[in-house]
Amino acid sequence: MQAQNTDILTLLGTIIEQLVKEEVAKPKAEPETLLLKPREAAEKLGLPYNRIRSLYLYDDTFPAFKIGQRYYVNIALAEKWVEERSKN
């Protein structure tokens, strides 16, 4: 009985180890959309929309740009931008 339990535990350990390896090996998911509208970016970054608005209008370092009449935020760069500023 004890030998069977040991065998089962060994098998379960092997299965779990394999599942973890497979999960770790999966490529990281890219953001679904690279460009977001300012309101979407505000929600994603956890910042108020008015703060995002003032950033894209007045801060040249914020990764946003205008196409036609609309502003867009490069969310991958914006996340890095926020991370860099949070270090200081």
Protein backbone atom coordinates (compact mmCIF):
# COMPACT_ATOMS: atom_id res chain seq x y z
CA MET A 1 0.00 0.00 0.00
CA GLN A 2 2.76 2.42 0.95
CA ALA A 3 4.69 1.55 -2.23
CA GLN A 4 1.60 2.33 -4.32
CA ASN A 5 1.19 5.70 -2.58
CA THR A 6 4.84 6.50 -3.24
CA ASP A 7 4.44 5.55 -6.91
CA ILE A 8 1.32 7.70 -7.24
CA LEU A 9 3.04 10.67 -5.58
CA THR A 10 6.05 10.27 -7.85
CA LEU A 11 3.81 10.14 -10.91
CA LEU A 12 1.84 13.20 -9.78
CA GLY A 13 5.07 15.07 -9.13
CA THR A 14 6.31 14.24 -12.64
CA ILE A 15 3.03 15.35 -14.21
CA ILE A 16 2.98 18.62 -12.28
CA GLU A 17 6.61 19.29 -13.14
CA GLN A 18 5.87 18.75 -16.84
CA LEU A 19 2.81 21.02 -16.73
CA VAL A 20 4.81 23.78 -15.06
CA LYS A 21 7.58 23.47 -17.67
CA GLU A 22 5.03 23.72 -20.49
CA GLU A 23 3.39 26.77 -18.93
CA VAL A 24 6.71 28.54 -18.41
CA ALA A 25 7.78 27.75 -21.98
CA LYS A 26 4.70 29.43 -23.47
CA PRO A 27 5.49 32.76 -25.10
CA LYS A 28 4.35 35.80 -23.20
CA ALA A 29 1.18 37.30 -24.56
CA GLU A 30 1.63 40.57 -26.37
CA PRO A 31 -0.81 43.38 -25.69
CA GLU A 32 -3.96 42.84 -27.72
CA THR A 33 -3.73 46.34 -29.15
CA LEU A 34 -0.59 48.41 -29.32
CA LEU A 35 -2.40 51.74 -29.66
CA LEU A 36 -5.17 52.77 -27.31
CA LYS A 37 -7.39 55.80 -27.15
CA PRO A 38 -6.56 58.03 -24.18
CA ARG A 39 -9.57 56.89 -22.13
CA GLU A 40 -8.62 53.24 -22.67
CA ALA A 41 -5.01 54.01 -21.77
CA ALA A 42 -6.13 55.79 -18.60
CA GLU A 43 -8.10 52.72 -17.55
CA LYS A 44 -5.24 50.35 -18.39
CA LEU A 45 -2.67 52.47 -16.53
CA GLY A 46 -4.94 53.18 -13.57
CA LEU A 47 -4.70 56.94 -14.01
CA PRO A 48 -7.47 59.52 -14.32
CA TYR A 49 -8.36 60.47 -17.89
CA ASN A 50 -7.63 64.16 -17.21
CA ARG A 51 -4.08 63.25 -16.17
CA ILE A 52 -3.55 61.25 -19.37
CA ARG A 53 -5.01 64.15 -21.35
CA SER A 54 -2.61 66.65 -19.83
CA LEU A 55 0.27 64.25 -20.44
CA TYR A 56 -0.40 63.78 -24.14
CA LEU A 57 -1.08 67.48 -24.64
CA TYR A 58 1.79 68.97 -22.64
CA ASP A 59 4.49 66.35 -21.98
CA ASP A 60 6.58 65.52 -25.04
CA THR A 61 8.08 62.50 -23.29
CA PHE A 62 4.71 60.75 -22.97
CA PRO A 63 4.32 58.15 -25.77
CA ALA A 64 1.25 59.52 -27.50
CA PHE A 65 0.69 60.98 -30.94
CA LYS A 66 -2.02 62.36 -33.13
CA ILE A 67 -3.47 60.72 -36.22
CA GLY A 68 -5.92 63.04 -37.90
CA GLN A 69 -8.04 64.52 -35.13
CA ARG A 70 -7.46 61.73 -32.61
CA TYR A 71 -4.72 61.05 -30.10
CA TYR A 72 -3.43 57.54 -29.49
CA VAL A 73 -1.23 56.14 -26.74
CA ASN A 74 1.34 53.43 -27.39
CA ILE A 75 0.39 51.36 -24.36
CA ALA A 76 3.58 49.27 -24.21
CA LEU A 77 5.71 52.41 -24.12
CA ALA A 78 3.29 54.14 -21.75
CA GLU A 79 3.61 51.27 -19.26
CA LYS A 80 7.40 51.59 -19.44
CA TRP A 81 7.07 55.39 -19.11
CA VAL A 82 5.02 55.03 -15.92
CA GLU A 83 7.41 52.40 -14.56
CA GLU A 84 10.42 54.66 -15.14
CA ARG A 85 8.75 57.56 -13.36
CA SER A 86 7.69 55.41 -10.44
CA LYS A 87 11.33 54.56 -9.72
CA ASN A 88 12.09 58.18 -8.79
